[in-house]
Amino acid sequence: MRKLLLFTITLVLLCVAPVQAADVNTVKATIVKHAIEMGVDPAIALSIARTESGFSHNARSSHGAVGVFQLMPSTARRMGLNPYSLNDNIKGGIMYYKSMYKMFGSVELALAAYNAGPGNVKKYKAVPPYAETKRFVSKIMKDYHYYKANPDPAMVKAKAAHTAAKKPATTTVAASKPKVPAATLEMVKAKDINAVKVEVVDETPIDLEIEATSLAI
């Protein structure tokens, strides 16, 4: 009976527990990839994720927010995304930040709206006077400036890959002149060339001789 109970508990935990969390490097690489594709600075995307979840897809808040970007399931569903999917969660977080930035035209205000909602930012026309929101904006801006000065390895790798993809392919050309096999040589139509021979004595032309010559290659 005891073995059966332990087996049942183990089975339930395996079914209910979240999938093994992706390692931090994988999460960062995914964030940078989606940020670049969506036209958002990877530095700000990484900064939001670091503050929201510490790059942990298993993060859950007391308010019900989930994943790397701490999306509310209802918000994710409105965007047609699954917040429990790593890729969808990251895309959703970046999409939401991008929409807030377009709405307010300011990184700080976009971050404030991300945390406190666009309604409160519109109400105060500034970062709302909430301690949590102020800390949120301040922390992310600090991380953002750090990443700009010290790019994360995921950013460096993505930039290198992007540069390599844009670089045109080069073909190595041999420096030596190509040798044409004798068997492929063909006679070239003879051309009459007027050769001019001038003999000079004391820089004064004294003899001018013109002769016709035929060349064959």
N, C-alpha and C. Protein backbone atom coordinates (compact mmCIF):
# COMPACT_ATOMS: atom_id res chain seq x y z
N MET A 1 0.84 -1.20 0.00
CA MET A 1 0.00 0.00 0.00
C MET A 1 0.88 1.26 0.00
N ARG A 2 1.94 1.19 0.80
CA ARG A 2 2.83 2.33 0.90
C ARG A 2 3.54 2.59 -0.43
N LYS A 3 3.96 1.51 -1.08
CA LYS A 3 4.62 1.63 -2.38
C LYS A 3 3.68 2.20 -3.42
N LEU A 4 2.44 1.76 -3.37
CA LEU A 4 1.43 2.25 -4.30
C LEU A 4 1.20 3.74 -4.11
N LEU A 5 1.17 4.18 -2.85
CA LEU A 5 0.95 5.58 -2.53
C LEU A 5 2.11 6.43 -3.04
N LEU A 6 3.34 5.96 -2.82
CA LEU A 6 4.53 6.68 -3.27
C LEU A 6 4.55 6.78 -4.79
N PHE A 7 4.16 5.68 -5.44
CA PHE A 7 4.12 5.67 -6.90
C PHE A 7 3.10 6.68 -7.42
N THR A 8 1.95 6.73 -6.74
CA THR A 8 0.88 7.66 -7.16
C THR A 8 1.33 9.11 -7.01
N ILE A 9 1.97 9.39 -5.87
CA ILE A 9 2.44 10.76 -5.62
C ILE A 9 3.48 11.17 -6.66
N THR A 10 4.39 10.25 -6.95
CA THR A 10 5.44 10.53 -7.94
C THR A 10 4.84 10.79 -9.31
N LEU A 11 3.86 9.99 -9.67
CA LEU A 11 3.20 10.15 -10.96
C LEU A 11 2.49 11.49 -11.07
N VAL A 12 1.83 11.89 -9.99
CA VAL A 12 1.12 13.17 -9.97
C VAL A 12 2.10 14.33 -10.11
N LEU A 13 3.22 14.24 -9.40
CA LEU A 13 4.23 15.30 -9.47
C LEU A 13 4.81 15.43 -10.86
N LEU A 14 5.02 14.31 -11.51
CA LEU A 14 5.58 14.33 -12.87
C LEU A 14 4.60 14.96 -13.85
N CYS A 15 3.33 14.73 -13.61
CA CYS A 15 2.31 15.27 -14.52
C CYS A 15 2.03 16.74 -14.27
N VAL A 16 2.09 17.13 -13.01
CA VAL A 16 1.74 18.51 -12.64
C VAL A 16 2.93 19.45 -12.71
N ALA A 17 4.10 18.96 -12.34
CA ALA A 17 5.28 19.82 -12.30
C ALA A 17 5.59 20.36 -13.67
N PRO A 18 6.09 21.61 -13.76
CA PRO A 18 6.42 22.18 -15.05
C PRO A 18 7.55 21.44 -15.71
N VAL A 19 7.62 21.58 -17.03
CA VAL A 19 8.69 20.93 -17.76
C VAL A 19 10.03 21.47 -17.26
N GLN A 20 11.06 20.62 -17.33
CA GLN A 20 12.38 21.03 -16.87
C GLN A 20 12.73 22.41 -17.42
N ALA A 21 13.10 23.28 -16.54
CA ALA A 21 13.38 24.65 -16.94
C ALA A 21 14.54 24.71 -17.92
N ALA A 22 14.40 25.56 -18.92
CA ALA A 22 15.49 25.77 -19.87
C ALA A 22 16.62 26.48 -19.14
N ASP A 23 17.85 26.18 -19.51
CA ASP A 23 18.96 26.84 -18.84
C ASP A 23 18.98 28.32 -19.22
N VAL A 24 19.66 29.10 -18.38
CA VAL A 24 19.66 30.56 -18.54
C VAL A 24 20.19 30.98 -19.91
N ASN A 25 21.24 30.32 -20.39
CA ASN A 25 21.82 30.69 -21.68
C ASN A 25 20.82 30.49 -22.81
N THR A 26 20.04 29.41 -22.72
CA THR A 26 19.02 29.15 -23.75
C THR A 26 17.95 30.22 -23.71
N VAL A 27 17.54 30.58 -22.50
CA VAL A 27 16.51 31.62 -22.34
C VAL A 27 17.01 32.94 -22.90
N LYS A 28 18.25 33.31 -22.57
CA LYS A 28 18.81 34.56 -23.07
C LYS A 28 18.90 34.57 -24.59
N ALA A 29 19.37 33.46 -25.15
CA ALA A 29 19.50 33.36 -26.61
C ALA A 29 18.14 33.52 -27.28
N THR A 30 17.11 32.93 -26.67
CA THR A 30 15.76 33.02 -27.23
C THR A 30 15.23 34.45 -27.14
N ILE A 31 15.51 35.12 -26.04
CA ILE A 31 15.09 36.51 -25.87
C ILE A 31 15.74 37.39 -26.92
N VAL A 32 17.05 37.25 -27.08
CA VAL A 32 17.79 38.07 -28.05
C VAL A 32 17.27 37.81 -29.47
N LYS A 33 17.03 36.55 -29.80
CA LYS A 33 16.55 36.18 -31.13
C LYS A 33 15.21 36.86 -31.43
N HIS A 34 14.25 36.73 -30.51
CA HIS A 34 12.93 37.32 -30.74
C HIS A 34 12.98 38.85 -30.71
N ALA A 35 13.83 39.41 -29.86
CA ALA A 35 13.94 40.87 -29.80
C ALA A 35 14.42 41.43 -31.13
N ILE A 36 15.45 40.80 -31.70
CA ILE A 36 15.99 41.26 -32.97
C ILE A 36 14.94 41.12 -34.07
N GLU A 37 14.25 40.00 -34.09
CA GLU A 37 13.23 39.76 -35.11
C GLU A 37 12.08 40.77 -35.01
N MET A 38 11.80 41.22 -33.78
CA MET A 38 10.68 42.13 -33.58
C MET A 38 11.09 43.60 -33.52
N GLY A 39 12.37 43.86 -33.78
CA GLY A 39 12.83 45.24 -33.83
C GLY A 39 12.93 45.92 -32.47
N VAL A 40 13.22 45.14 -31.44
CA VAL A 40 13.38 45.69 -30.09
C VAL A 40 14.83 45.49 -29.65
N ASP A 41 15.38 46.48 -28.99
CA ASP A 41 16.76 46.38 -28.50
C ASP A 41 16.88 45.19 -27.55
N PRO A 42 17.75 44.22 -27.87
CA PRO A 42 17.92 43.04 -27.01
C PRO A 42 18.30 43.42 -25.57
N ALA A 43 19.00 44.53 -25.42
CA ALA A 43 19.44 44.96 -24.09
C ALA A 43 18.24 45.25 -23.19
N ILE A 44 17.22 45.90 -23.73
CA ILE A 44 16.05 46.22 -22.90
C ILE A 44 15.22 44.96 -22.65
N ALA A 45 15.16 44.07 -23.65
CA ALA A 45 14.41 42.82 -23.49
C ALA A 45 15.04 41.96 -22.41
N LEU A 46 16.36 41.85 -22.42
CA LEU A 46 17.06 41.07 -21.40
C LEU A 46 16.88 41.70 -20.02
N SER A 47 16.89 43.02 -19.98
CA SER A 47 16.75 43.72 -18.69
C SER A 47 15.38 43.48 -18.07
N ILE A 48 14.34 43.49 -18.90
CA ILE A 48 12.99 43.24 -18.38
C ILE A 48 12.90 41.82 -17.83
N ALA A 49 13.41 40.86 -18.61
CA ALA A 49 13.34 39.46 -18.19
C ALA A 49 14.13 39.21 -16.92
N ARG A 50 15.27 39.87 -16.80
CA ARG A 50 16.11 39.69 -15.61
C ARG A 50 15.38 40.18 -14.36
N THR A 51 14.73 41.33 -14.48
CA THR A 51 14.01 41.89 -13.33
C THR A 51 12.74 41.10 -13.03
N GLU A 52 12.04 40.70 -14.08
CA GLU A 52 10.77 40.00 -13.89
C GLU A 52 10.93 38.60 -13.30
N SER A 53 11.90 37.84 -13.81
CA SER A 53 11.98 36.43 -13.40
C SER A 53 13.37 35.89 -13.15
N GLY A 54 14.40 36.71 -13.39
CA GLY A 54 15.75 36.18 -13.28
C GLY A 54 16.00 35.14 -14.35
N PHE A 55 15.31 35.29 -15.50
CA PHE A 55 15.43 34.38 -16.65
C PHE A 55 14.88 32.98 -16.36
N SER A 56 13.99 32.87 -15.40
CA SER A 56 13.41 31.56 -15.05
C SER A 56 12.00 31.44 -15.63
N HIS A 57 11.81 30.44 -16.48
CA HIS A 57 10.49 30.24 -17.08
C HIS A 57 9.51 29.64 -16.07
N ASN A 58 10.02 29.12 -14.98
CA ASN A 58 9.16 28.52 -13.96
C ASN A 58 8.68 29.54 -12.93
N ALA A 59 9.07 30.79 -13.10
CA ALA A 59 8.68 31.83 -12.14
C ALA A 59 7.17 32.04 -12.14
N ARG A 60 6.61 32.17 -10.96
CA ARG A 60 5.17 32.42 -10.79
C ARG A 60 5.01 33.50 -9.72
N SER A 61 4.14 34.46 -9.97
CA SER A 61 3.93 35.52 -8.98
C SER A 61 2.63 35.27 -8.21
N SER A 62 2.52 35.96 -7.09
CA SER A 62 1.32 35.82 -6.27
C SER A 62 0.09 36.40 -6.98
N HIS A 63 0.34 37.21 -8.00
CA HIS A 63 -0.77 37.82 -8.75
C HIS A 63 -1.21 36.94 -9.92
N GLY A 64 -0.48 35.85 -10.15
CA GLY A 64 -0.85 34.96 -11.24
C GLY A 64 -0.03 35.10 -12.51
N ALA A 65 0.93 36.01 -12.51
CA ALA A 65 1.79 36.18 -13.68
C ALA A 65 2.74 34.99 -13.79
N VAL A 66 3.04 34.60 -15.02
CA VAL A 66 3.87 33.41 -15.21
C VAL A 66 4.99 33.64 -16.22
N GLY A 67 6.02 32.79 -16.10
CA GLY A 67 7.08 32.73 -17.09
C GLY A 67 8.15 33.80 -17.02
N VAL A 68 9.03 33.75 -18.01
CA VAL A 68 10.18 34.65 -18.08
C VAL A 68 9.78 36.12 -18.02
N PHE A 69 8.72 36.49 -18.75
CA PHE A 69 8.28 37.88 -18.77
C PHE A 69 7.09 38.14 -17.87
N GLN A 70 6.77 37.17 -17.03
CA GLN A 70 5.69 37.34 -16.05
C GLN A 70 4.41 37.87 -16.70
N LEU A 71 3.94 37.13 -17.69
CA LEU A 71 2.70 37.50 -18.36
C LEU A 71 1.49 37.00 -17.59
N MET A 72 0.46 37.78 -17.58
CA MET A 72 -0.81 37.32 -17.05
C MET A 72 -1.43 36.42 -18.12
N PRO A 73 -1.88 35.25 -17.76
CA PRO A 73 -2.49 34.34 -18.75
C PRO A 73 -3.55 35.01 -19.60
N SER A 74 -4.38 35.86 -18.99
CA SER A 74 -5.45 36.52 -19.74
C SER A 74 -4.87 37.45 -20.80
N THR A 75 -3.76 38.16 -20.46
CA THR A 75 -3.11 39.06 -21.41
C THR A 75 -2.52 38.27 -22.57
N ALA A 76 -1.89 37.15 -22.24
CA ALA A 76 -1.28 36.31 -23.28
C ALA A 76 -2.35 35.75 -24.22
N ARG A 77 -3.45 35.34 -23.65
CA ARG A 77 -4.52 34.78 -24.48
C ARG A 77 -5.08 35.81 -25.45
N ARG A 78 -5.17 37.07 -25.00
CA ARG A 78 -5.66 38.13 -25.88
C ARG A 78 -4.72 38.34 -27.07
N MET A 79 -3.46 38.01 -26.87
CA MET A 79 -2.48 38.12 -27.95
C MET A 79 -2.37 36.83 -28.75
N GLY A 80 -3.19 35.84 -28.39
CA GLY A 80 -3.17 34.58 -29.09
C GLY A 80 -1.96 33.73 -28.76
N LEU A 81 -1.43 33.89 -27.55
CA LEU A 81 -0.22 33.18 -27.15
C LEU A 81 -0.46 32.30 -25.92
N ASN A 82 0.39 31.31 -25.77
CA ASN A 82 0.35 30.43 -24.61
C ASN A 82 1.44 30.87 -23.64
N PRO A 83 1.09 31.45 -22.49
CA PRO A 83 2.10 31.97 -21.57
C PRO A 83 2.98 30.90 -20.95
N TYR A 84 2.55 29.64 -21.03
CA TYR A 84 3.32 28.55 -20.44
C TYR A 84 4.36 27.98 -21.41
N SER A 85 4.32 28.48 -22.65
CA SER A 85 5.32 28.11 -23.65
C SER A 85 6.46 29.12 -23.56
N LEU A 86 7.70 28.65 -23.51
CA LEU A 86 8.84 29.56 -23.40
C LEU A 86 8.86 30.56 -24.53
N ASN A 87 8.74 30.09 -25.78
CA ASN A 87 8.78 30.98 -26.93
C ASN A 87 7.63 31.98 -26.91
N ASP A 88 6.44 31.50 -26.63
CA ASP A 88 5.27 32.39 -26.60
C ASP A 88 5.37 33.41 -25.47
N ASN A 89 5.87 32.98 -24.33
CA ASN A 89 6.00 33.89 -23.20
C ASN A 89 6.96 35.02 -23.53
N ILE A 90 8.08 34.66 -24.13
CA ILE A 90 9.08 35.67 -24.50
C ILE A 90 8.54 36.59 -25.58
N LYS A 91 7.92 36.03 -26.61
CA LYS A 91 7.35 36.86 -27.66
C LYS A 91 6.27 37.78 -27.11
N GLY A 92 5.45 37.25 -26.21
CA GLY A 92 4.39 38.06 -25.62
C GLY A 92 4.92 39.22 -24.81
N GLY A 93 5.97 38.95 -24.02
CA GLY A 93 6.55 40.02 -23.20
C GLY A 93 7.15 41.12 -24.05
N ILE A 94 7.86 40.73 -25.10
CA ILE A 94 8.48 41.72 -25.99
C ILE A 94 7.40 42.49 -26.76
N MET A 95 6.38 41.77 -27.22
CA MET A 95 5.28 42.42 -27.94
C MET A 95 4.59 43.45 -27.06
N TYR A 96 4.37 43.10 -25.81
CA TYR A 96 3.67 44.01 -24.90
C TYR A 96 4.51 45.25 -24.63
N TYR A 97 5.80 45.04 -24.38
CA TYR A 97 6.69 46.19 -24.15
C TYR A 97 6.70 47.09 -25.40
N LYS A 98 6.81 46.47 -26.56
CA LYS A 98 6.86 47.23 -27.81
C LYS A 98 5.60 48.06 -28.01
N SER A 99 4.45 47.49 -27.68
CA SER A 99 3.19 48.22 -27.83
C SER A 99 3.13 49.39 -26.84
N MET A 100 3.68 49.20 -25.63
CA MET A 100 3.70 50.29 -24.66
C MET A 100 4.65 51.41 -25.10
N TYR A 101 5.75 51.00 -25.72
CA TYR A 101 6.70 52.01 -26.20
C TYR A 101 6.08 52.83 -27.33
N LYS A 102 5.37 52.16 -28.22
CA LYS A 102 4.70 52.87 -29.32
C LYS A 102 3.64 53.83 -28.78
N MET A 103 3.02 53.43 -27.68
CA MET A 103 1.96 54.25 -27.09
C MET A 103 2.51 55.50 -26.42
N PHE A 104 3.66 55.36 -25.73
CA PHE A 104 4.18 56.48 -24.94
C PHE A 104 5.46 57.10 -25.49
N GLY A 105 6.15 56.40 -26.39
CA GLY A 105 7.36 56.96 -26.99
C GLY A 105 8.51 57.17 -26.05
N SER A 106 8.52 56.46 -24.95
CA SER A 106 9.58 56.60 -23.94
C SER A 106 9.85 55.25 -23.30
N VAL A 107 11.12 54.92 -23.15
CA VAL A 107 11.47 53.64 -22.53
C VAL A 107 10.96 53.58 -21.10
N GLU A 108 11.19 54.66 -20.33
CA GLU A 108 10.77 54.68 -18.93
C GLU A 108 9.25 54.56 -18.78
N LEU A 109 8.52 55.29 -19.61
CA LEU A 109 7.06 55.24 -19.53
C LEU A 109 6.54 53.88 -20.00
N ALA A 110 7.20 53.31 -21.00
CA ALA A 110 6.80 51.98 -21.48
C ALA A 110 6.99 50.94 -20.38
N LEU A 111 8.09 51.06 -19.65
CA LEU A 111 8.36 50.13 -18.54
C LEU A 111 7.35 50.34 -17.41
N ALA A 112 7.02 51.60 -17.15
CA ALA A 112 6.05 51.89 -16.10
C ALA A 112 4.69 51.30 -16.48
N ALA A 113 4.32 51.42 -17.75
CA ALA A 113 3.05 50.87 -18.22
C ALA A 113 3.08 49.35 -18.16
N TYR A 114 4.23 48.76 -18.43
CA TYR A 114 4.40 47.31 -18.37
C TYR A 114 4.10 46.82 -16.95
N ASN A 115 4.50 47.63 -15.97
CA ASN A 115 4.36 47.22 -14.57
C ASN A 115 3.02 47.65 -13.96
N ALA A 116 2.63 48.90 -14.20
CA ALA A 116 1.44 49.45 -13.53
C ALA A 116 0.23 49.58 -14.44
N GLY A 117 0.43 49.30 -15.74
CA GLY A 117 -0.68 49.43 -16.67
C GLY A 117 -0.68 50.77 -17.38
N PRO A 118 -1.04 50.81 -18.65
CA PRO A 118 -1.05 52.07 -19.40
C PRO A 118 -2.02 53.11 -18.85
N GLY A 119 -3.10 52.65 -18.23
CA GLY A 119 -4.07 53.59 -17.68
C GLY A 119 -3.46 54.49 -16.62
N ASN A 120 -2.63 53.93 -15.76
CA ASN A 120 -2.01 54.72 -14.70
C ASN A 120 -0.97 55.68 -15.25
N VAL A 121 -0.26 55.27 -16.31
CA VAL A 121 0.73 56.17 -16.92
C VAL A 121 0.01 57.34 -17.58
N LYS A 122 -1.11 57.07 -18.22
CA LYS A 122 -1.90 58.14 -18.84
C LYS A 122 -2.46 59.08 -17.78
N LYS A 123 -2.85 58.49 -16.67
CA LYS A 123 -3.44 59.28 -15.58
C LYS A 123 -2.44 60.30 -15.04
N TYR A 124 -1.21 59.85 -14.80
CA TYR A 124 -0.20 60.73 -14.20
C TYR A 124 0.68 61.41 -15.25
N LYS A 125 0.59 60.93 -16.50
CA LYS A 125 1.43 61.47 -17.57
C LYS A 125 2.91 61.41 -17.20
N ALA A 126 3.23 60.39 -16.44
CA ALA A 126 4.61 60.17 -15.97
C ALA A 126 4.64 58.79 -15.32
N VAL A 127 5.81 58.42 -14.81
CA VAL A 127 5.89 57.16 -14.07
C VAL A 127 5.01 57.30 -12.83
N PRO A 128 4.03 56.44 -12.65
CA PRO A 128 3.12 56.56 -11.49
C PRO A 128 3.89 56.58 -10.16
N PRO A 129 3.39 57.30 -9.18
CA PRO A 129 4.09 57.43 -7.89
C PRO A 129 3.93 56.20 -6.99
N TYR A 130 4.13 55.04 -7.58
CA TYR A 130 4.04 53.80 -6.81
C TYR A 130 5.45 53.28 -6.57
N ALA A 131 5.74 52.95 -5.31
CA ALA A 131 7.09 52.51 -4.96
C ALA A 131 7.53 51.31 -5.81
N GLU A 132 6.64 50.35 -5.99
CA GLU A 132 6.98 49.15 -6.75
C GLU A 132 7.32 49.49 -8.19
N THR A 133 6.52 50.36 -8.81
CA THR A 133 6.74 50.74 -10.21
C THR A 133 8.04 51.52 -10.36
N LYS A 134 8.29 52.42 -9.43
CA LYS A 134 9.53 53.20 -9.48
C LYS A 134 10.75 52.29 -9.36
N ARG A 135 10.68 51.32 -8.46
CA ARG A 135 11.80 50.36 -8.32
C ARG A 135 11.96 49.55 -9.59
N PHE A 136 10.84 49.15 -10.15
CA PHE A 136 10.84 48.34 -11.36
C PHE A 136 11.55 49.08 -12.50
N VAL A 137 11.14 50.31 -12.74
CA VAL A 137 11.72 51.12 -13.81
C VAL A 137 13.20 51.38 -13.55
N SER A 138 13.53 51.75 -12.31
CA SER A 138 14.91 52.06 -11.96
C SER A 138 15.83 50.85 -12.14
N LYS A 139 15.36 49.69 -11.69
CA LYS A 139 16.17 48.47 -11.79
C LYS A 139 16.41 48.10 -13.25
N ILE A 140 15.38 48.16 -14.06
CA ILE A 140 15.53 47.77 -15.47
C ILE A 140 16.42 48.76 -16.22
N MET A 141 16.29 50.04 -15.95
CA MET A 141 17.13 51.03 -16.62
C MET A 141 18.60 50.84 -16.23
N LYS A 142 18.84 50.46 -15.01
CA LYS A 142 20.22 50.20 -14.56
C LYS A 142 20.79 49.00 -15.32
N ASP A 143 20.00 47.94 -15.41
CA ASP A 143 20.44 46.75 -16.15
C ASP A 143 20.63 47.07 -17.63
N TYR A 144 19.72 47.88 -18.17
CA TYR A 144 19.77 48.25 -19.58
C TYR A 144 21.09 48.95 -19.92
N HIS A 145 21.46 49.93 -19.10
CA HIS A 145 22.71 50.65 -19.33
C HIS A 145 23.92 49.72 -19.17
N TYR A 146 23.79 48.77 -18.27
CA TYR A 146 24.89 47.81 -18.07
C TYR A 146 25.06 46.94 -19.32
N TYR A 147 23.95 46.43 -19.84
CA TYR A 147 24.02 45.59 -21.04
C TYR A 147 24.52 46.37 -22.26
N LYS A 148 24.20 47.65 -22.33
CA LYS A 148 24.67 48.45 -23.45
C LYS A 148 26.19 48.62 -23.39
N ALA A 149 26.71 48.75 -22.17
CA ALA A 149 28.15 48.92 -22.01
C ALA A 149 28.88 47.57 -22.00
N ASN A 150 28.19 46.53 -21.53
CA ASN A 150 28.78 45.19 -21.44
C ASN A 150 27.81 44.17 -22.04
N PRO A 151 27.79 44.06 -23.37
CA PRO A 151 26.84 43.16 -24.02
C PRO A 151 26.91 41.73 -23.50
N ASP A 152 25.76 41.14 -23.27
CA ASP A 152 25.70 39.75 -22.84
C ASP A 152 26.23 38.86 -23.97
N PRO A 153 26.87 37.73 -23.61
CA PRO A 153 27.37 36.80 -24.65
C PRO A 153 26.31 36.44 -25.69
N ALA A 154 25.05 36.36 -25.27
CA ALA A 154 23.98 36.04 -26.23
C ALA A 154 23.83 37.16 -27.25
N MET A 155 24.02 38.39 -26.84
CA MET A 155 23.94 39.53 -27.75
C MET A 155 25.13 39.53 -28.71
N VAL A 156 26.31 39.24 -28.16
CA VAL A 156 27.53 39.22 -28.98
C VAL A 156 27.43 38.13 -30.05
N LYS A 157 26.97 36.96 -29.64
CA LYS A 157 26.84 35.83 -30.57
C LYS A 157 25.83 36.13 -31.67
N ALA A 158 24.71 36.73 -31.29
CA ALA A 158 23.67 37.05 -32.27
C ALA A 158 24.17 38.10 -33.26
N LYS A 159 24.91 39.08 -32.77
CA LYS A 159 25.44 40.12 -33.64
C LYS A 159 26.44 39.54 -34.62
N ALA A 160 27.30 38.64 -34.14
CA ALA A 160 28.29 38.01 -35.00
C ALA A 160 27.62 37.19 -36.10
N ALA A 161 26.57 36.46 -35.71
CA ALA A 161 25.85 35.63 -36.68
C ALA A 161 25.16 36.51 -37.72
N HIS A 162 24.60 37.65 -37.26
CA HIS A 162 23.91 38.56 -38.17
C HIS A 162 24.90 39.17 -39.17
N THR A 163 26.08 39.54 -38.67
CA THR A 163 27.11 40.13 -39.53
C THR A 163 27.60 39.12 -40.55
N ALA A 164 27.80 37.88 -40.10
CA ALA A 164 28.28 36.83 -41.00
C ALA A 164 27.25 36.54 -42.09
N ALA A 165 25.98 36.60 -41.74
CA ALA A 165 24.92 36.32 -42.71
C ALA A 165 24.86 37.40 -43.78
N LYS A 166 25.19 38.65 -43.43
CA LYS A 166 25.12 39.75 -44.37
C LYS A 166 26.38 39.86 -45.23
N LYS A 167 27.48 39.25 -44.78
CA LYS A 167 28.74 39.36 -45.49
C LYS A 167 28.68 38.55 -46.78
N PRO A 168 28.97 39.17 -47.94
CA PRO A 168 28.90 38.43 -49.21
C PRO A 168 29.98 37.37 -49.29
N ALA A 169 29.65 36.28 -49.94
CA ALA A 169 30.61 35.19 -50.08
C ALA A 169 31.72 35.61 -51.02
N THR A 170 32.95 35.23 -50.69
CA THR A 170 34.10 35.58 -51.53
C THR A 170 34.68 34.33 -52.15
N THR A 171 35.18 34.49 -53.37
CA THR A 171 35.79 33.37 -54.08
C THR A 171 37.27 33.63 -54.23
N THR A 172 38.06 32.67 -53.85
CA THR A 172 39.50 32.82 -53.94
C THR A 172 39.93 32.63 -55.39
N VAL A 173 40.65 33.61 -55.91
CA VAL A 173 41.12 33.54 -57.29
C VAL A 173 42.62 33.33 -57.29
N ALA A 174 43.09 32.39 -58.08
CA ALA A 174 44.53 32.11 -58.14
C ALA A 174 45.26 33.31 -58.69
N ALA A 175 46.40 33.60 -58.10
CA ALA A 175 47.17 34.76 -58.52
C ALA A 175 47.86 34.53 -59.85
N SER A 176 48.24 33.30 -60.12
CA SER A 176 48.96 33.01 -61.34
C SER A 176 48.03 33.04 -62.54
N LYS A 177 48.57 33.34 -63.70
CA LYS A 177 47.78 33.38 -64.92
C LYS A 177 47.39 31.97 -65.34
N PRO A 178 46.18 31.78 -65.79
CA PRO A 178 45.77 30.43 -66.20
C PRO A 178 46.56 29.98 -67.42
N LYS A 179 46.92 28.72 -67.41
CA LYS A 179 47.66 28.15 -68.52
C LYS A 179 46.68 27.53 -69.51
N VAL A 180 46.81 27.91 -70.76
CA VAL A 180 45.91 27.40 -71.79
C VAL A 180 46.59 26.21 -72.47
N PRO A 181 45.96 25.05 -72.46
CA PRO A 181 46.56 23.87 -73.09
C PRO A 181 46.81 24.14 -74.56
N ALA A 182 47.91 23.57 -75.04
CA ALA A 182 48.28 23.79 -76.43
C ALA A 182 47.22 23.28 -77.38
N ALA A 183 46.54 22.21 -76.99
CA ALA A 183 45.53 21.60 -77.87
C ALA A 183 44.36 22.53 -78.12
N THR A 184 44.16 23.51 -77.22
CA THR A 184 43.00 24.40 -77.37
C THR A 184 43.32 25.67 -78.12
N LEU A 185 44.57 25.81 -78.47
CA LEU A 185 44.96 27.04 -79.17
C LEU A 185 44.38 27.07 -80.56
N GLU A 186 43.91 28.18 -80.98
CA GLU A 186 43.37 28.33 -82.32
C GLU A 186 44.06 29.51 -83.01
N MET A 187 44.14 29.38 -84.26
CA MET A 187 44.74 30.47 -85.03
C MET A 187 43.80 31.66 -85.03
N VAL A 188 44.33 32.77 -84.73
CA VAL A 188 43.56 34.00 -84.73
C VAL A 188 43.72 34.67 -86.09
N LYS A 189 42.65 35.18 -86.58
CA LYS A 189 42.69 35.82 -87.90
C LYS A 189 43.81 36.85 -87.95
N ALA A 190 44.59 36.69 -88.95
CA ALA A 190 45.74 37.59 -89.09
C ALA A 190 45.27 39.03 -89.30
N LYS A 191 46.00 39.90 -88.71
CA LYS A 191 45.69 41.33 -88.84
C LYS A 191 46.94 42.05 -89.34
N ASP A 192 46.72 42.93 -90.24
CA ASP A 192 47.84 43.72 -90.74
C ASP A 192 48.13 44.84 -89.76
N ILE A 193 49.32 44.86 -89.30
CA ILE A 193 49.72 45.89 -88.34
C ILE A 193 50.86 46.69 -88.95
N ASN A 194 50.72 47.93 -88.98
CA ASN A 194 51.78 48.80 -89.48
C ASN A 194 52.78 49.04 -88.38
N ALA A 195 53.93 48.46 -88.54
CA ALA A 195 54.99 48.66 -87.54
C ALA A 195 55.84 49.83 -87.96
N VAL A 196 56.07 50.70 -87.09
CA VAL A 196 56.85 51.89 -87.37
C VAL A 196 58.18 51.78 -86.66
N LYS A 197 59.24 51.85 -87.41
CA LYS A 197 60.58 51.77 -86.83
C LYS A 197 61.24 53.12 -87.02
N VAL A 198 61.68 53.68 -85.93
CA VAL A 198 62.31 55.01 -86.00
C VAL A 198 63.68 54.93 -85.38
N GLU A 199 64.66 55.36 -86.08
CA GLU A 199 66.02 55.45 -85.56
C GLU A 199 66.31 56.91 -85.25
N VAL A 200 66.85 57.16 -84.07
CA VAL A 200 67.09 58.54 -83.65
C VAL A 200 68.56 58.74 -83.36
N VAL A 201 69.10 59.79 -83.89
CA VAL A 201 70.49 60.18 -83.62
C VAL A 201 70.45 61.61 -83.14
N ASP A 202 70.98 61.79 -81.98
CA ASP A 202 70.95 63.12 -81.36
C ASP A 202 69.52 63.64 -81.29
N GLU A 203 68.59 62.73 -80.92
CA GLU A 203 67.19 63.05 -80.74
C GLU A 203 66.53 63.58 -82.01
N THR A 204 67.16 63.30 -83.22
CA THR A 204 66.58 63.76 -84.47
C THR A 204 66.28 62.56 -85.35
N PRO A 205 64.99 62.34 -85.73
CA PRO A 205 64.66 61.21 -86.58
C PRO A 205 65.38 61.33 -87.92
N ILE A 206 66.07 60.22 -88.29
CA ILE A 206 66.80 60.28 -89.55
C ILE A 206 66.31 59.23 -90.53
N ASP A 207 65.57 58.19 -90.02
CA ASP A 207 65.13 57.16 -90.95
C ASP A 207 63.77 56.65 -90.54
N LEU A 208 62.84 56.63 -91.42
CA LEU A 208 61.48 56.16 -91.12
C LEU A 208 61.19 55.01 -92.06
N GLU A 209 60.97 53.79 -91.51
CA GLU A 209 60.72 52.61 -92.30
C GLU A 209 59.43 51.95 -91.88
N ILE A 210 58.52 51.79 -92.81
CA ILE A 210 57.21 51.21 -92.53
C ILE A 210 57.10 49.88 -93.24
N GLU A 211 56.71 48.82 -92.50
CA GLU A 211 56.56 47.53 -93.12
C GLU A 211 55.32 46.84 -92.61
N ALA A 212 54.71 46.02 -93.45
CA ALA A 212 53.51 45.30 -93.08
C ALA A 212 53.89 43.95 -92.53
N THR A 213 53.27 43.57 -91.39
CA THR A 213 53.59 42.32 -90.75
C THR A 213 52.31 41.58 -90.40
N SER A 214 52.28 40.27 -90.50
CA SER A 214 51.13 39.45 -90.12
C SER A 214 51.48 38.66 -88.87
N LEU A 215 50.57 38.68 -87.83
CA LEU A 215 50.78 37.98 -86.58
C LEU A 215 49.81 36.82 -86.49
N ALA A 216 50.26 35.68 -85.97
CA ALA A 216 49.41 34.52 -85.72
C ALA A 216 49.65 34.02 -84.32
N ILE A 217 48.56 33.71 -83.62
CA ILE A 217 48.68 33.24 -82.24
C ILE A 217 48.28 31.78 -82.21
